[in-house]
Amino acid sequence: MVGVNSLLGLPWLVASTVPCILHVSAMSDKTKDGATTSLQETRLTGFFTHCLVLGTCFALNVLKLIPLPVLYGVFLFMGLVALPAQQFWQRILLFFQQPGVIKERQSGTVPYVKYIPSLRRVHLFTVIQLFFFALLYVVKNFKMISIAFPLFILLCIPQDFYGRRAHTSGWYSRGNRRLDLGQCSRCNG
């Protein structure tokens, strides 16, 4: 795909998480509650993004004048602004809230709280994800095994697949599929 786009002079497809999330958020129509009702699709955004990236190559002398702490501050701000919308962070915060308040306040807006009968399932799913997140963080920070980081990411896939198959009738039931899919309209049935 990259080769074909290069031959045709088109921008490469890049799996960059932050621009994708920000783009989807910017192009969506939302209700007052924050629920997404529709999404406008445009192919020009990727083209203009890559044009701006190309423009930065010609502005390197100007960009060198920006202090590094300012750049760190911008990235920290972007991360903190995007954090409350992440389901993983919301489920971590559920550990510190009272169960009764969770059911009252969030039953209408968060499907995994509304459709899963027990918060223990939500917490178990979150603990498993926290374990793998911590494992990946440890592997990344140990210099001797950090070369195996892609392998550990690859090992998360069979765990997820076989974990679902082993627990289809158990704790990983239809309700826990909602934890994976979030606010997907297909999985609300």
N, C-alpha and C. Protein backbone atom coordinates (compact mmCIF):
# COMPACT_ATOMS: atom_id res chain seq x y z
N MET A 1 0.82 -1.19 0.00
CA MET A 1 0.00 0.00 0.00
C MET A 1 0.87 1.26 0.00
N VAL A 2 1.91 1.26 0.82
CA VAL A 2 2.80 2.42 0.88
C VAL A 2 3.50 2.60 -0.46
N GLY A 3 3.92 1.49 -1.08
CA GLY A 3 4.58 1.58 -2.37
C GLY A 3 3.67 2.12 -3.46
N VAL A 4 2.42 1.69 -3.47
CA VAL A 4 1.47 2.17 -4.47
C VAL A 4 1.21 3.65 -4.27
N ASN A 5 0.99 4.06 -3.01
CA ASN A 5 0.77 5.47 -2.73
C ASN A 5 1.99 6.30 -3.10
N SER A 6 3.19 5.77 -2.89
CA SER A 6 4.41 6.49 -3.25
C SER A 6 4.50 6.68 -4.75
N LEU A 7 4.17 5.65 -5.52
CA LEU A 7 4.23 5.76 -6.98
C LEU A 7 3.21 6.76 -7.52
N LEU A 8 2.07 6.84 -6.86
CA LEU A 8 1.02 7.75 -7.31
C LEU A 8 1.14 9.15 -6.71
N GLY A 9 2.11 9.35 -5.82
CA GLY A 9 2.29 10.66 -5.20
C GLY A 9 1.27 10.96 -4.12
N LEU A 10 0.66 9.93 -3.56
CA LEU A 10 -0.35 10.10 -2.51
C LEU A 10 0.30 9.94 -1.15
N PRO A 11 -0.33 10.48 -0.11
CA PRO A 11 0.25 10.33 1.23
C PRO A 11 0.19 8.88 1.70
N TRP A 12 1.17 8.51 2.52
CA TRP A 12 1.20 7.17 3.09
C TRP A 12 0.15 7.04 4.17
N LEU A 13 -0.34 5.83 4.34
CA LEU A 13 -1.26 5.56 5.45
C LEU A 13 -0.42 5.26 6.69
N VAL A 14 -0.66 6.01 7.73
CA VAL A 14 0.12 5.88 8.95
C VAL A 14 -0.83 5.59 10.10
N ALA A 15 -0.53 4.57 10.88
CA ALA A 15 -1.38 4.21 12.02
C ALA A 15 -0.95 5.02 13.24
N SER A 16 -1.20 6.29 13.18
CA SER A 16 -0.85 7.18 14.28
C SER A 16 -2.08 7.39 15.13
N THR A 17 -2.01 6.99 16.38
CA THR A 17 -3.19 6.95 17.24
C THR A 17 -3.76 8.33 17.55
N VAL A 18 -2.92 9.24 18.01
CA VAL A 18 -3.42 10.54 18.46
C VAL A 18 -4.09 11.32 17.34
N PRO A 19 -3.48 11.46 16.15
CA PRO A 19 -4.20 12.18 15.09
C PRO A 19 -5.50 11.50 14.69
N CYS A 20 -5.53 10.18 14.71
CA CYS A 20 -6.76 9.47 14.35
C CYS A 20 -7.88 9.78 15.34
N ILE A 21 -7.58 9.73 16.63
CA ILE A 21 -8.60 9.99 17.65
C ILE A 21 -9.05 11.44 17.57
N LEU A 22 -8.10 12.37 17.44
CA LEU A 22 -8.45 13.78 17.36
C LEU A 22 -9.25 14.07 16.10
N HIS A 23 -8.89 13.43 15.00
CA HIS A 23 -9.61 13.66 13.75
C HIS A 23 -11.04 13.15 13.85
N VAL A 24 -11.22 11.97 14.38
CA VAL A 24 -12.56 11.42 14.53
C VAL A 24 -13.39 12.28 15.46
N SER A 25 -12.78 12.76 16.54
CA SER A 25 -13.49 13.62 17.48
C SER A 25 -13.87 14.95 16.83
N ALA A 26 -12.97 15.50 16.02
CA ALA A 26 -13.25 16.79 15.38
C ALA A 26 -14.31 16.68 14.29
N MET A 27 -14.38 15.57 13.61
CA MET A 27 -15.30 15.42 12.49
C MET A 27 -16.64 14.81 12.89
N SER A 28 -16.87 14.60 14.18
CA SER A 28 -18.12 13.96 14.61
C SER A 28 -19.10 14.98 15.13
N ASP A 29 -20.36 14.68 14.93
CA ASP A 29 -21.44 15.47 15.50
C ASP A 29 -21.87 14.78 16.79
N LYS A 30 -21.97 15.57 17.86
CA LYS A 30 -22.28 15.00 19.16
C LYS A 30 -23.51 15.65 19.77
N THR A 31 -24.17 14.89 20.64
CA THR A 31 -25.29 15.43 21.38
C THR A 31 -24.78 16.21 22.59
N LYS A 32 -25.69 16.78 23.36
CA LYS A 32 -25.28 17.53 24.55
C LYS A 32 -24.63 16.63 25.59
N ASP A 33 -25.00 15.34 25.58
CA ASP A 33 -24.43 14.38 26.53
C ASP A 33 -23.05 13.91 26.11
N GLY A 34 -22.64 14.21 24.89
CA GLY A 34 -21.33 13.79 24.41
C GLY A 34 -21.37 12.54 23.56
N ALA A 35 -22.54 11.98 23.32
CA ALA A 35 -22.66 10.78 22.50
C ALA A 35 -22.53 11.16 21.02
N THR A 36 -21.77 10.39 20.28
CA THR A 36 -21.55 10.65 18.86
C THR A 36 -22.77 10.20 18.07
N THR A 37 -23.32 11.11 17.25
CA THR A 37 -24.48 10.77 16.44
C THR A 37 -24.10 10.44 15.01
N SER A 38 -23.14 11.18 14.45
CA SER A 38 -22.70 10.89 13.08
C SER A 38 -21.26 11.35 12.92
N LEU A 39 -20.66 10.89 11.84
CA LEU A 39 -19.25 11.20 11.58
C LEU A 39 -19.10 11.55 10.11
N GLN A 40 -18.50 12.72 9.85
CA GLN A 40 -18.25 13.13 8.47
C GLN A 40 -16.92 12.53 8.03
N GLU A 41 -16.91 11.94 6.87
CA GLU A 41 -15.69 11.32 6.35
C GLU A 41 -15.08 12.24 5.30
N THR A 42 -13.79 12.45 5.42
CA THR A 42 -13.08 13.25 4.42
C THR A 42 -11.71 12.63 4.17
N ARG A 43 -11.32 12.58 2.94
CA ARG A 43 -10.01 12.04 2.56
C ARG A 43 -8.95 13.14 2.51
N LEU A 44 -9.39 14.39 2.54
CA LEU A 44 -8.44 15.49 2.42
C LEU A 44 -7.63 15.71 3.70
N THR A 45 -8.13 15.26 4.82
CA THR A 45 -7.42 15.49 6.08
C THR A 45 -6.05 14.84 6.06
N GLY A 46 -5.96 13.60 5.61
CA GLY A 46 -4.67 12.93 5.53
C GLY A 46 -3.72 13.64 4.59
N PHE A 47 -4.25 14.13 3.47
CA PHE A 47 -3.42 14.84 2.51
C PHE A 47 -2.85 16.12 3.11
N PHE A 48 -3.70 16.91 3.75
CA PHE A 48 -3.24 18.17 4.34
C PHE A 48 -2.32 17.92 5.53
N THR A 49 -2.56 16.85 6.28
CA THR A 49 -1.67 16.51 7.39
C THR A 49 -0.27 16.22 6.87
N HIS A 50 -0.19 15.46 5.81
CA HIS A 50 1.11 15.13 5.24
C HIS A 50 1.77 16.34 4.58
N CYS A 51 0.98 17.26 4.05
CA CYS A 51 1.54 18.51 3.52
C CYS A 51 2.15 19.34 4.64
N LEU A 52 1.48 19.37 5.80
CA LEU A 52 2.04 20.10 6.94
C LEU A 52 3.31 19.43 7.45
N VAL A 53 3.35 18.11 7.45
CA VAL A 53 4.56 17.40 7.85
C VAL A 53 5.70 17.74 6.89
N LEU A 54 5.39 17.78 5.61
CA LEU A 54 6.40 18.18 4.62
C LEU A 54 6.86 19.61 4.86
N GLY A 55 5.93 20.48 5.23
CA GLY A 55 6.28 21.87 5.51
C GLY A 55 7.22 22.01 6.69
N THR A 56 7.10 21.12 7.67
CA THR A 56 8.01 21.19 8.82
C THR A 56 9.44 20.87 8.43
N CYS A 57 9.61 20.10 7.36
CA CYS A 57 10.98 19.80 6.90
C CYS A 57 11.67 21.07 6.42
N PHE A 58 10.91 22.01 5.88
CA PHE A 58 11.49 23.27 5.42
C PHE A 58 11.58 24.31 6.53
N ALA A 59 10.95 24.06 7.66
CA ALA A 59 10.96 25.02 8.76
C ALA A 59 11.77 24.52 9.95
N LEU A 60 12.74 23.65 9.72
CA LEU A 60 13.52 23.09 10.82
C LEU A 60 14.29 24.15 11.60
N ASN A 61 14.79 25.17 10.92
CA ASN A 61 15.52 26.23 11.63
C ASN A 61 14.62 26.99 12.59
N VAL A 62 13.37 27.18 12.23
CA VAL A 62 12.41 27.85 13.11
C VAL A 62 12.01 26.92 14.25
N LEU A 63 11.80 25.65 13.95
CA LEU A 63 11.38 24.69 14.97
C LEU A 63 12.47 24.46 16.02
N LYS A 64 13.74 24.64 15.64
CA LYS A 64 14.83 24.47 16.61
C LYS A 64 14.81 25.54 17.68
N LEU A 65 14.12 26.65 17.42
CA LEU A 65 14.04 27.73 18.40
C LEU A 65 13.05 27.43 19.53
N ILE A 66 12.17 26.46 19.31
CA ILE A 66 11.18 26.11 20.34
C ILE A 66 11.88 25.29 21.42
N PRO A 67 11.80 25.74 22.69
CA PRO A 67 12.45 24.98 23.77
C PRO A 67 11.82 23.60 23.95
N LEU A 68 12.63 22.63 24.31
CA LEU A 68 12.16 21.26 24.51
C LEU A 68 11.09 21.15 25.60
N PRO A 69 11.21 21.87 26.75
CA PRO A 69 10.14 21.79 27.76
C PRO A 69 8.78 22.25 27.24
N VAL A 70 8.78 23.19 26.29
CA VAL A 70 7.51 23.64 25.71
C VAL A 70 6.88 22.49 24.92
N LEU A 71 7.69 21.78 24.15
CA LEU A 71 7.17 20.63 23.39
C LEU A 71 6.66 19.54 24.33
N TYR A 72 7.41 19.27 25.40
CA TYR A 72 6.95 18.28 26.37
C TYR A 72 5.62 18.72 27.00
N GLY A 73 5.49 20.01 27.27
CA GLY A 73 4.25 20.52 27.84
C GLY A 73 3.08 20.37 26.89
N VAL A 74 3.31 20.60 25.61
CA VAL A 74 2.24 20.44 24.62
C VAL A 74 1.79 18.99 24.55
N PHE A 75 2.76 18.06 24.51
CA PHE A 75 2.40 16.64 24.44
C PHE A 75 1.73 16.18 25.73
N LEU A 76 2.18 16.67 26.88
CA LEU A 76 1.54 16.33 28.15
C LEU A 76 0.11 16.85 28.17
N PHE A 77 -0.08 18.08 27.71
CA PHE A 77 -1.43 18.64 27.66
C PHE A 77 -2.34 17.82 26.74
N MET A 78 -1.84 17.45 25.56
CA MET A 78 -2.65 16.64 24.63
C MET A 78 -3.03 15.30 25.26
N GLY A 79 -2.09 14.69 25.97
CA GLY A 79 -2.38 13.41 26.62
C GLY A 79 -3.40 13.54 27.73
N LEU A 80 -3.26 14.59 28.54
CA LEU A 80 -4.20 14.77 29.65
C LEU A 80 -5.59 15.15 29.18
N VAL A 81 -5.68 15.89 28.09
CA VAL A 81 -7.00 16.25 27.55
C VAL A 81 -7.69 15.02 26.97
N ALA A 82 -6.94 14.12 26.35
CA ALA A 82 -7.53 12.93 25.74
C ALA A 82 -7.82 11.83 26.75
N LEU A 83 -7.23 11.90 27.94
CA LEU A 83 -7.35 10.81 28.91
C LEU A 83 -8.77 10.53 29.39
N PRO A 84 -9.58 11.53 29.74
CA PRO A 84 -10.93 11.21 30.24
C PRO A 84 -11.82 10.49 29.25
N ALA A 85 -11.56 10.60 27.97
CA ALA A 85 -12.40 9.93 26.97
C ALA A 85 -12.01 8.47 26.76
N GLN A 86 -10.91 8.02 27.33
CA GLN A 86 -10.44 6.65 27.13
C GLN A 86 -11.17 5.70 28.08
N GLN A 87 -11.74 4.64 27.53
CA GLN A 87 -12.51 3.69 28.33
C GLN A 87 -11.63 3.00 29.37
N PHE A 88 -10.39 2.71 29.02
CA PHE A 88 -9.48 2.05 29.96
C PHE A 88 -9.28 2.92 31.20
N TRP A 89 -9.09 4.21 31.02
CA TRP A 89 -8.92 5.13 32.15
C TRP A 89 -10.21 5.24 32.96
N GLN A 90 -11.35 5.26 32.30
CA GLN A 90 -12.63 5.33 33.00
C GLN A 90 -12.82 4.10 33.87
N ARG A 91 -12.43 2.93 33.35
CA ARG A 91 -12.59 1.71 34.14
C ARG A 91 -11.60 1.65 35.29
N ILE A 92 -10.41 2.24 35.15
CA ILE A 92 -9.48 2.32 36.28
C ILE A 92 -10.07 3.20 37.37
N LEU A 93 -10.71 4.29 36.98
CA LEU A 93 -11.33 5.18 37.98
C LEU A 93 -12.50 4.52 38.69
N LEU A 94 -13.11 3.50 38.07
CA LEU A 94 -14.22 2.79 38.73
C LEU A 94 -13.77 2.08 40.00
N PHE A 95 -12.47 1.75 40.10
CA PHE A 95 -11.97 1.11 41.31
C PHE A 95 -12.12 2.01 42.54
N PHE A 96 -12.15 3.31 42.32
CA PHE A 96 -12.15 4.27 43.42
C PHE A 96 -13.52 4.89 43.66
N GLN A 97 -14.56 4.36 43.03
CA GLN A 97 -15.91 4.90 43.20
C GLN A 97 -16.80 3.86 43.87
N GLN A 98 -17.81 4.34 44.54
CA GLN A 98 -18.76 3.44 45.20
C GLN A 98 -19.66 2.80 44.16
N PRO A 99 -19.93 1.50 44.29
CA PRO A 99 -20.74 0.80 43.28
C PRO A 99 -22.13 1.40 43.08
N GLY A 100 -22.77 1.81 44.14
CA GLY A 100 -24.11 2.38 44.00
C GLY A 100 -24.10 3.68 43.22
N VAL A 101 -23.11 4.49 43.44
CA VAL A 101 -23.00 5.76 42.73
C VAL A 101 -22.69 5.52 41.26
N ILE A 102 -21.90 4.50 40.99
CA ILE A 102 -21.55 4.17 39.60
C ILE A 102 -22.80 3.80 38.82
N LYS A 103 -23.63 2.94 39.39
CA LYS A 103 -24.84 2.49 38.70
C LYS A 103 -25.80 3.65 38.47
N GLU A 104 -25.94 4.56 39.46
CA GLU A 104 -26.86 5.68 39.31
C GLU A 104 -26.38 6.68 38.27
N ARG A 105 -25.11 7.07 38.37
CA ARG A 105 -24.59 8.16 37.56
C ARG A 105 -24.30 7.76 36.13
N GLN A 106 -23.79 6.56 35.91
CA GLN A 106 -23.27 6.23 34.60
C GLN A 106 -24.07 5.18 33.84
N SER A 107 -25.19 4.75 34.36
CA SER A 107 -25.91 3.66 33.70
C SER A 107 -26.42 4.05 32.32
N GLY A 108 -26.73 5.32 32.10
CA GLY A 108 -27.25 5.71 30.81
C GLY A 108 -26.19 6.03 29.78
N THR A 109 -25.00 6.42 30.20
CA THR A 109 -24.01 6.90 29.26
C THR A 109 -22.90 5.90 28.98
N VAL A 110 -22.66 4.96 29.86
CA VAL A 110 -21.56 4.02 29.69
C VAL A 110 -22.14 2.61 29.56
N PRO A 111 -22.10 2.02 28.36
CA PRO A 111 -22.78 0.74 28.15
C PRO A 111 -22.20 -0.41 28.97
N TYR A 112 -20.92 -0.41 29.27
CA TYR A 112 -20.37 -1.54 30.00
C TYR A 112 -20.81 -1.53 31.45
N VAL A 113 -21.25 -0.41 31.97
CA VAL A 113 -21.81 -0.37 33.32
C VAL A 113 -23.29 -0.70 33.27
N LYS A 114 -23.95 -0.31 32.19
CA LYS A 114 -25.39 -0.52 32.08
C LYS A 114 -25.74 -1.98 31.81
N TYR A 115 -24.97 -2.66 30.95
CA TYR A 115 -25.35 -3.99 30.49
C TYR A 115 -24.66 -5.13 31.22
N ILE A 116 -23.62 -4.86 31.97
CA ILE A 116 -22.94 -5.93 32.69
C ILE A 116 -23.48 -5.95 34.11
N PRO A 117 -24.05 -7.07 34.53
CA PRO A 117 -24.75 -7.11 35.81
C PRO A 117 -23.84 -6.91 37.03
N SER A 118 -22.61 -7.34 36.95
CA SER A 118 -21.73 -7.28 38.10
C SER A 118 -20.51 -6.43 37.79
N LEU A 119 -20.19 -5.53 38.71
CA LEU A 119 -18.99 -4.71 38.54
C LEU A 119 -17.73 -5.55 38.71
N ARG A 120 -17.86 -6.72 39.33
CA ARG A 120 -16.69 -7.61 39.48
C ARG A 120 -16.14 -8.01 38.12
N ARG A 121 -17.01 -8.22 37.13
CA ARG A 121 -16.56 -8.56 35.78
C ARG A 121 -15.79 -7.40 35.16
N VAL A 122 -16.31 -6.20 35.34
CA VAL A 122 -15.63 -5.02 34.80
C VAL A 122 -14.26 -4.89 35.45
N HIS A 123 -14.21 -5.07 36.77
CA HIS A 123 -12.94 -4.95 37.48
C HIS A 123 -11.95 -6.06 37.09
N LEU A 124 -12.45 -7.28 36.89
CA LEU A 124 -11.58 -8.38 36.48
C LEU A 124 -10.98 -8.11 35.10
N PHE A 125 -11.82 -7.65 34.19
CA PHE A 125 -11.35 -7.31 32.84
C PHE A 125 -10.29 -6.21 32.91
N THR A 126 -10.52 -5.22 33.75
CA THR A 126 -9.57 -4.11 33.89
C THR A 126 -8.28 -4.58 34.52
N VAL A 127 -8.35 -5.48 35.50
CA VAL A 127 -7.13 -6.00 36.13
C VAL A 127 -6.29 -6.78 35.12
N ILE A 128 -6.93 -7.56 34.27
CA ILE A 128 -6.20 -8.30 33.24
C ILE A 128 -5.51 -7.33 32.30
N GLN A 129 -6.22 -6.29 31.89
CA GLN A 129 -5.60 -5.31 31.00
C GLN A 129 -4.47 -4.56 31.71
N LEU A 130 -4.64 -4.24 32.98
CA LEU A 130 -3.57 -3.58 33.75
C LEU A 130 -2.34 -4.47 33.85
N PHE A 131 -2.56 -5.78 34.04
CA PHE A 131 -1.44 -6.71 34.12
C PHE A 131 -0.63 -6.69 32.82
N PHE A 132 -1.31 -6.77 31.68
CA PHE A 132 -0.59 -6.78 30.42
C PHE A 132 0.04 -5.42 30.13
N PHE A 133 -0.60 -4.35 30.55
CA PHE A 133 0.00 -3.03 30.39
C PHE A 133 1.28 -2.93 31.22
N ALA A 134 1.23 -3.39 32.47
CA ALA A 134 2.43 -3.37 33.32
C ALA A 134 3.52 -4.28 32.76
N LEU A 135 3.13 -5.44 32.23
CA LEU A 135 4.11 -6.35 31.63
C LEU A 135 4.82 -5.69 30.45
N LEU A 136 4.06 -5.04 29.59
CA LEU A 136 4.66 -4.36 28.45
C LEU A 136 5.55 -3.21 28.90
N TYR A 137 5.15 -2.52 29.95
CA TYR A 137 5.97 -1.41 30.46
C TYR A 137 7.29 -1.93 31.03
N VAL A 138 7.24 -3.04 31.76
CA VAL A 138 8.46 -3.63 32.32
C VAL A 138 9.39 -4.11 31.21
N VAL A 139 8.82 -4.77 30.20
CA VAL A 139 9.64 -5.26 29.10
C VAL A 139 10.28 -4.09 28.36
N LYS A 140 9.55 -3.02 28.19
CA LYS A 140 10.09 -1.86 27.48
C LYS A 140 11.24 -1.21 28.24
N ASN A 141 11.18 -1.22 29.57
CA ASN A 141 12.18 -0.50 30.37
C ASN A 141 13.42 -1.33 30.72
N PHE A 142 13.36 -2.65 30.61
CA PHE A 142 14.55 -3.46 30.84
C PHE A 142 15.33 -3.56 29.55
N LYS A 143 16.55 -3.04 29.56
CA LYS A 143 17.35 -2.99 28.34
C LYS A 143 17.68 -4.38 27.79
N MET A 144 17.83 -5.36 28.69
CA MET A 144 18.22 -6.70 28.24
C MET A 144 17.11 -7.41 27.46
N ILE A 145 15.86 -7.11 27.79
CA ILE A 145 14.76 -7.80 27.12
C ILE A 145 13.91 -6.85 26.28
N SER A 146 14.29 -5.60 26.19
CA SER A 146 13.46 -4.63 25.45
C SER A 146 13.39 -4.95 23.96
N ILE A 147 14.36 -5.69 23.46
CA ILE A 147 14.32 -6.09 22.05
C ILE A 147 13.13 -7.01 21.77
N ALA A 148 12.62 -7.66 22.81
CA ALA A 148 11.49 -8.59 22.66
C ALA A 148 10.14 -7.89 22.82
N PHE A 149 10.13 -6.57 22.90
CA PHE A 149 8.87 -5.83 23.07
C PHE A 149 7.84 -6.18 22.00
N PRO A 150 8.20 -6.19 20.71
CA PRO A 150 7.19 -6.58 19.70
C PRO A 150 6.67 -8.00 19.90
N LEU A 151 7.51 -8.89 20.38
CA LEU A 151 7.07 -10.26 20.64
C LEU A 151 6.03 -10.29 21.76
N PHE A 152 6.24 -9.49 22.80
CA PHE A 152 5.28 -9.46 23.90
C PHE A 152 3.96 -8.84 23.46
N ILE A 153 4.02 -7.86 22.59
CA ILE A 153 2.77 -7.31 22.04
C ILE A 153 2.06 -8.39 21.23
N LEU A 154 2.81 -9.14 20.46
CA LEU A 154 2.23 -10.23 19.68
C LEU A 154 1.61 -11.29 20.58
N LEU A 155 2.20 -11.55 21.75
CA LEU A 155 1.67 -12.55 22.67
C LEU A 155 0.37 -12.12 23.33
N CYS A 156 0.07 -10.84 23.31
CA CYS A 156 -1.20 -10.37 23.85
C CYS A 156 -2.38 -10.82 23.00
N ILE A 157 -2.15 -11.05 21.71
CA ILE A 157 -3.24 -11.44 20.81
C ILE A 157 -3.75 -12.84 21.11
N PRO A 158 -2.88 -13.88 21.22
CA PRO A 158 -3.42 -15.20 21.55
C PRO A 158 -4.06 -15.25 22.94
N GLN A 159 -3.51 -14.49 23.87
CA GLN A 159 -4.12 -14.45 25.20
C GLN A 159 -5.54 -13.94 25.10
N ASP A 160 -5.73 -12.89 24.33
CA ASP A 160 -7.06 -12.32 24.18
C ASP A 160 -7.99 -13.31 23.48
N PHE A 161 -7.50 -13.94 22.41
CA PHE A 161 -8.32 -14.87 21.64
C PHE A 161 -8.68 -16.11 22.46
N TYR A 162 -7.68 -16.76 23.05
CA TYR A 162 -7.96 -17.98 23.80
C TYR A 162 -8.64 -17.69 25.13
N GLY A 163 -8.39 -16.52 25.68
CA GLY A 163 -9.11 -16.13 26.90
C GLY A 163 -10.59 -16.00 26.65
N ARG A 164 -10.95 -15.47 25.50
CA ARG A 164 -12.37 -15.34 25.14
C ARG A 164 -12.99 -16.72 24.92
N ARG A 165 -12.28 -17.58 24.19
CA ARG A 165 -12.84 -18.90 23.90
C ARG A 165 -12.99 -19.73 25.16
N ALA A 166 -12.03 -19.62 26.07
CA ALA A 166 -12.08 -20.42 27.30
C ALA A 166 -13.16 -19.93 28.24
N HIS A 167 -13.48 -18.65 28.16
CA HIS A 167 -14.42 -18.08 29.12
C HIS A 167 -15.70 -17.58 28.47
N THR A 168 -16.05 -18.12 27.31
CA THR A 168 -17.26 -17.68 26.64
C THR A 168 -18.49 -17.95 27.49
N SER A 169 -18.53 -19.08 28.13
CA SER A 169 -19.68 -19.37 28.97
C SER A 169 -19.47 -18.86 30.39
N GLY A 170 -18.26 -18.47 30.72
CA GLY A 170 -17.96 -18.00 32.06
C GLY A 170 -17.98 -16.49 32.17
N TRP A 171 -16.91 -15.92 32.71
CA TRP A 171 -16.91 -14.48 32.98
C TRP A 171 -16.83 -13.66 31.70
N TYR A 172 -16.26 -14.21 30.62
CA TYR A 172 -16.17 -13.44 29.39
C TYR A 172 -17.40 -13.76 28.55
N SER A 173 -18.49 -13.24 28.96
CA SER A 173 -19.74 -13.51 28.26
C SER A 173 -20.04 -12.36 27.32
N ARG A 174 -21.26 -12.31 26.87
CA ARG A 174 -21.68 -11.26 25.95
C ARG A 174 -21.49 -9.87 26.55
N GLY A 175 -21.67 -9.75 27.84
CA GLY A 175 -21.50 -8.46 28.50
C GLY A 175 -20.07 -7.97 28.43
N ASN A 176 -19.12 -8.87 28.59
CA ASN A 176 -17.72 -8.45 28.55
C ASN A 176 -17.27 -8.10 27.14
N ARG A 177 -17.98 -8.59 26.13
CA ARG A 177 -17.67 -8.16 24.77
C ARG A 177 -17.90 -6.67 24.63
N ARG A 178 -18.85 -6.15 25.39
CA ARG A 178 -19.10 -4.71 25.38
C ARG A 178 -17.91 -3.93 25.92
N LEU A 179 -17.15 -4.54 26.83
CA LEU A 179 -15.96 -3.87 27.34
C LEU A 179 -14.93 -3.69 26.24
N ASP A 180 -14.83 -4.67 25.35
CA ASP A 180 -13.90 -4.57 24.24
C ASP A 180 -14.37 -3.56 23.20
N LEU A 181 -15.64 -3.60 22.89
CA LEU A 181 -16.15 -2.83 21.78
C LEU A 181 -16.61 -1.44 22.17
N GLY A 182 -16.76 -1.14 23.44
CA GLY A 182 -17.14 0.19 23.88
C GLY A 182 -18.59 0.49 23.49
N GLN A 183 -18.81 1.65 22.92
CA GLN A 183 -20.16 2.09 22.60
C GLN A 183 -20.52 1.73 21.17
N CYS A 184 -20.32 0.50 20.81
CA CYS A 184 -20.61 0.05 19.46
C CYS A 184 -22.10 -0.28 19.35
N SER A 185 -22.75 0.24 18.31
CA SER A 185 -24.18 -0.01 18.17
C SER A 185 -24.47 -1.46 17.80
N ARG A 186 -23.50 -2.16 17.15
CA ARG A 186 -23.73 -3.55 16.79
C ARG A 186 -23.81 -4.46 18.00
N CYS A 187 -23.10 -4.10 19.08
CA CYS A 187 -23.01 -5.02 20.21
C CYS A 187 -24.04 -4.72 21.27
N ASN A 188 -24.95 -3.81 21.04
CA ASN A 188 -25.92 -3.46 22.06
C ASN A 188 -27.12 -4.39 22.07
N GLY A 189 -27.14 -5.39 21.20
CA GLY A 189 -28.27 -6.31 21.14
C GLY A 189 -28.13 -7.49 22.03
